Amino acid sequence: MTEIKLSVPERMLLFILMVRNEELSNPQIEKEYAPGLKLVGKDRTKLQEAKLIESRRGVRGAYFFTLADGGWRWCREELQNRAVPAGAGSAGQALYALFSGLEGYLSRTGRTLQQLFGGLPEADGKVSAAVPADEIEKLIRRSYRLVAENPGDWIRLADLRHALDGLDRAQVDGVLRLMTRLPGVRIEEETNQKTLSPQDRAAAVLIGNREQHLLSIEDR
């Protein structure tokens, strides 16, 4: 188990980021889950320094959080932990009972949390090997450079899809979801929905429960 002591709210925040597998801001977390449940100050610094989360500052200085690789490992280790944290209450007892069942499923099937929640493409219950994920990532980055004028520019996913014509849609979507956890990669929703064409809507990638239409990749 990762050697870090976490409070019950900190644990719940990590699990929320795991299940949603998308960037979440404090206002989103408070609105969709519980008032007062948020990452600020020492709590944010603590989880970031432990490499459990990653954060970036968006417009108006708002922080956006995602689960880091260390966070995925912590969550899997916590599923294997039979001890319910002190102060979790009856809801916590039920949650950790659910975790026990989930861990049993993952162990029996050989799946990982990243496959279950992380968008890693699967076929017939196994990870698709048609095109390796790292090769798809390279093609996405190469296609982005062809479409974008400068590194970091926002491009439409519809334009990226056209450049990637011939690749399996589910595989591309899975890799795009995984790439959002990498430094310098951002996928966001078009805030002005009136500007979206039918092609934009058809090309959107679903992350969590929201359709995202724009991609930005900094130089790596």
Protein backbone atom coordinates (compact mmCIF):
# COMPACT_ATOMS: atom_id res chain seq x y z
CA MET A 1 0.00 0.00 0.00
CA THR A 2 1.28 3.48 -0.88
CA GLU A 3 2.71 4.93 2.36
CA ILE A 4 0.50 7.96 2.80
CA LYS A 5 -2.27 8.58 5.30
CA LEU A 6 -5.42 9.89 3.68
CA SER A 7 -8.60 11.19 5.24
CA VAL A 8 -11.96 9.77 4.21
CA PRO A 9 -12.77 12.83 2.02
CA GLU A 10 -9.35 12.55 0.30
CA ARG A 11 -10.00 8.88 -0.40
CA MET A 12 -13.43 9.64 -1.82
CA LEU A 13 -12.00 12.33 -4.10
CA LEU A 14 -9.51 9.84 -5.56
CA PHE A 15 -12.28 7.32 -6.20
CA ILE A 16 -14.41 10.00 -7.86
CA LEU A 17 -11.54 10.90 -10.20
CA MET A 18 -11.05 7.19 -10.92
CA VAL A 19 -14.66 6.50 -11.84
CA ARG A 20 -15.15 9.69 -13.85
CA ASN A 21 -11.78 9.43 -15.66
CA GLU A 22 -11.87 13.06 -16.73
CA GLU A 23 -10.77 16.45 -15.54
CA LEU A 24 -12.92 17.77 -12.71
CA SER A 25 -12.81 21.17 -11.04
CA ASN A 26 -13.74 21.92 -7.45
CA PRO A 27 -17.08 23.52 -8.46
CA GLN A 28 -17.95 20.40 -10.47
CA ILE A 29 -17.04 18.09 -7.57
CA GLU A 30 -19.08 20.11 -5.08
CA LYS A 31 -22.08 20.43 -7.39
CA GLU A 32 -22.20 16.80 -8.51
CA TYR A 33 -21.18 15.04 -5.29
CA ALA A 34 -21.24 16.98 -2.00
CA PRO A 35 -20.93 20.59 -0.82
CA GLY A 36 -17.57 21.10 0.82
CA LEU A 37 -15.94 18.16 -0.97
CA LYS A 38 -13.04 19.76 -2.81
CA LEU A 39 -9.25 19.84 -3.23
CA VAL A 40 -7.67 23.02 -1.92
CA GLY A 41 -4.61 24.14 -0.01
CA LYS A 42 -2.68 21.46 1.86
CA ASP A 43 -4.99 18.65 0.67
CA ARG A 44 -4.29 19.47 -2.99
CA THR A 45 -0.55 19.87 -2.37
CA LYS A 46 -0.43 16.62 -0.39
CA LEU A 47 -2.06 14.51 -3.11
CA GLN A 48 -0.06 16.17 -5.87
CA GLU A 49 3.30 15.75 -4.12
CA ALA A 50 2.41 12.10 -3.52
CA LYS A 51 1.86 11.84 -7.30
CA LEU A 52 -1.72 10.64 -6.79
CA ILE A 53 -3.28 13.47 -8.78
CA GLU A 54 -2.31 15.92 -11.49
CA SER A 55 -3.69 19.43 -11.74
CA ARG A 56 -3.65 22.37 -14.10
CA ARG A 57 -5.01 25.87 -13.90
CA GLY A 58 -7.67 26.74 -16.43
CA VAL A 59 -9.54 29.92 -17.19
CA ARG A 60 -10.11 32.29 -14.26
CA GLY A 61 -7.44 30.41 -12.30
CA ALA A 62 -9.64 27.39 -11.59
CA TYR A 63 -7.85 24.12 -10.87
CA PHE A 64 -8.71 21.00 -12.87
CA PHE A 65 -7.77 17.60 -11.45
CA THR A 66 -7.13 14.17 -12.96
CA LEU A 67 -5.98 10.91 -11.43
CA ALA A 68 -2.24 10.34 -11.93
CA ASP A 69 -0.68 6.92 -12.56
CA GLY A 70 0.16 6.75 -8.87
CA GLY A 71 -3.48 7.42 -8.10
CA TRP A 72 -4.58 4.49 -10.24
CA ARG A 73 -2.14 2.27 -8.35
CA TRP A 74 -3.34 3.59 -5.00
CA CYS A 75 -6.97 2.87 -5.92
CA ARG A 76 -6.17 -0.71 -6.92
CA GLU A 77 -4.22 -1.25 -3.72
CA GLU A 78 -7.11 0.19 -1.73
CA LEU A 79 -9.51 -2.28 -3.36
CA GLN A 80 -7.28 -5.02 -2.04
CA ASN A 81 -7.26 -3.50 1.44
CA ARG A 82 -9.86 -5.12 3.70
CA ALA A 83 -9.63 -2.47 6.44
CA VAL A 84 -12.39 0.15 6.32
CA PRO A 85 -10.95 3.56 7.29
CA ALA A 86 -11.97 4.93 10.66
CA GLY A 87 -14.86 7.37 10.46
CA ALA A 88 -16.19 6.01 7.18
CA GLY A 89 -19.56 5.14 8.72
CA SER A 90 -22.11 2.69 7.39
CA ALA A 91 -21.82 4.14 3.87
CA GLY A 92 -18.08 3.49 4.00
CA GLN A 93 -18.67 -0.08 5.17
CA ALA A 94 -20.95 -0.66 2.19
CA LEU A 95 -18.49 1.00 -0.20
CA TYR A 96 -15.59 -1.17 0.89
CA ALA A 97 -17.78 -4.26 0.65
CA LEU A 98 -18.41 -3.23 -2.96
CA PHE A 99 -14.67 -2.76 -3.44
CA SER A 100 -14.08 -6.31 -2.26
CA GLY A 101 -16.45 -7.62 -4.92
CA LEU A 102 -14.89 -5.38 -7.57
CA GLU A 103 -11.39 -6.59 -6.70
CA GLY A 104 -12.61 -10.19 -7.00
CA TYR A 105 -13.94 -9.46 -10.49
CA LEU A 106 -10.69 -7.79 -11.59
CA SER A 107 -8.62 -10.68 -10.24
CA ARG A 108 -10.79 -13.34 -11.93
CA THR A 109 -10.85 -11.63 -15.32
CA GLY A 110 -7.32 -10.22 -15.35
CA ARG A 111 -8.65 -6.75 -16.10
CA THR A 112 -7.24 -3.55 -14.64
CA LEU A 113 -8.92 -0.42 -13.30
CA GLN A 114 -7.63 1.46 -16.34
CA GLN A 115 -9.52 -0.96 -18.59
CA LEU A 116 -12.66 -0.73 -16.49
CA PHE A 117 -12.75 3.03 -15.99
CA GLY A 118 -9.83 4.37 -17.98
CA GLY A 119 -11.15 3.91 -21.49
CA LEU A 120 -8.59 1.35 -22.61
CA PRO A 121 -10.19 -0.27 -25.68
CA GLU A 122 -11.28 -3.90 -25.35
CA ALA A 123 -12.63 -6.52 -27.72
CA ASP A 124 -14.35 -9.73 -26.66
CA GLY A 125 -13.29 -9.10 -23.07
CA LYS A 126 -9.62 -8.62 -23.94
CA VAL A 127 -7.52 -5.63 -24.83
CA SER A 128 -7.62 -5.19 -28.58
CA ALA A 129 -4.29 -5.87 -30.22
CA ALA A 130 -5.31 -4.77 -33.72
CA VAL A 131 -3.14 -1.66 -33.41
CA PRO A 132 -1.02 -1.15 -30.26
CA ALA A 133 -2.10 1.82 -28.14
CA ASP A 134 1.35 3.43 -28.35
CA GLU A 135 1.20 3.31 -32.15
CA ILE A 136 -2.24 4.95 -32.12
CA GLU A 137 -0.88 7.67 -29.83
CA LYS A 138 1.96 8.32 -32.28
CA LEU A 139 -0.54 8.57 -35.16
CA ILE A 140 -2.73 10.95 -33.15
CA ARG A 141 0.24 13.20 -32.38
CA ARG A 142 1.44 13.09 -35.99
CA SER A 143 -2.05 13.90 -37.28
CA TYR A 144 -2.38 16.73 -34.77
CA ARG A 145 0.84 18.30 -36.08
CA LEU A 146 -0.55 18.13 -39.60
CA VAL A 147 -3.76 19.92 -38.61
CA ALA A 148 -2.56 22.45 -36.01
CA GLU A 149 -0.59 25.50 -37.08
CA ASN A 150 1.34 25.67 -33.80
CA PRO A 151 1.91 23.34 -30.82
CA GLY A 152 -0.81 23.85 -28.22
CA ASP A 153 -3.37 25.18 -30.72
CA TRP A 154 -6.91 23.90 -30.34
CA ILE A 155 -8.12 21.74 -33.23
CA ARG A 156 -11.48 20.13 -33.91
CA LEU A 157 -11.68 16.40 -33.29
CA ALA A 158 -13.61 16.25 -36.56
CA ASP A 159 -10.43 17.31 -38.38
CA LEU A 160 -8.38 14.77 -36.43
CA ARG A 161 -10.84 11.98 -37.29
CA HIS A 162 -10.46 12.80 -40.97
CA ALA A 163 -6.67 12.50 -40.68
CA LEU A 164 -7.02 9.18 -38.83
CA ASP A 165 -9.47 7.69 -41.29
CA GLY A 166 -9.16 3.90 -41.33
CA LEU A 167 -8.37 3.40 -37.64
CA ASP A 168 -10.91 1.72 -35.38
CA ARG A 169 -13.06 4.42 -33.71
CA ALA A 170 -13.25 2.62 -30.35
CA GLN A 171 -9.47 2.22 -30.21
CA VAL A 172 -8.86 5.88 -31.05
CA ASP A 173 -11.37 6.99 -28.41
CA GLY A 174 -9.74 4.76 -25.82
CA VAL A 175 -6.29 6.18 -26.51
CA LEU A 176 -7.61 9.77 -26.50
CA ARG A 177 -9.05 9.16 -23.03
CA LEU A 178 -5.73 7.78 -21.83
CA MET A 179 -3.82 10.70 -23.36
CA THR A 180 -5.77 13.22 -21.26
CA ARG A 181 -3.70 12.04 -18.30
CA LEU A 182 -0.42 12.91 -20.07
CA PRO A 183 1.35 16.27 -19.65
CA GLY A 184 0.53 18.77 -22.36
CA VAL A 185 -2.58 16.98 -23.68
CA ARG A 186 -5.98 18.58 -23.23
CA ILE A 187 -9.36 17.54 -24.59
CA GLU A 188 -12.26 19.85 -23.85
CA GLU A 189 -15.86 20.57 -24.67
CA GLU A 190 -16.79 23.37 -27.06
CA THR A 191 -18.44 25.86 -24.74
CA ASN A 192 -20.38 27.54 -27.53
CA GLN A 193 -22.53 24.62 -28.61
CA LYS A 194 -24.18 26.70 -31.33
CA THR A 195 -20.95 26.67 -33.34
CA LEU A 196 -20.85 22.86 -33.52
CA SER A 197 -21.52 21.30 -36.89
CA PRO A 198 -23.07 17.84 -37.31
CA GLN A 199 -19.54 16.62 -38.10
CA ASP A 200 -18.25 18.08 -34.80
CA ARG A 201 -20.98 16.33 -32.83
CA ALA A 202 -20.37 13.02 -34.60
CA ALA A 203 -16.60 13.26 -33.97
CA ALA A 204 -16.88 14.01 -30.23
CA VAL A 205 -15.23 11.67 -27.76
CA LEU A 206 -17.22 10.80 -24.66
CA ILE A 207 -15.17 11.28 -21.48
CA GLY A 208 -17.11 10.60 -18.31
CA ASN A 209 -20.60 11.63 -19.33
CA ARG A 210 -19.68 14.66 -21.45
CA GLU A 211 -18.90 14.97 -25.14
CA GLN A 212 -15.56 16.65 -25.89
CA HIS A 213 -14.87 18.30 -29.24
CA LEU A 214 -11.45 20.01 -29.11
CA LEU A 215 -7.86 18.79 -28.76
CA SER A 216 -4.65 20.58 -27.81
CA ILE A 217 -1.19 18.96 -27.65
CA GLU A 218 1.96 20.80 -26.55
CA ASP A 219 5.34 19.77 -27.87
CA ARG A 220 6.83 16.78 -26.07
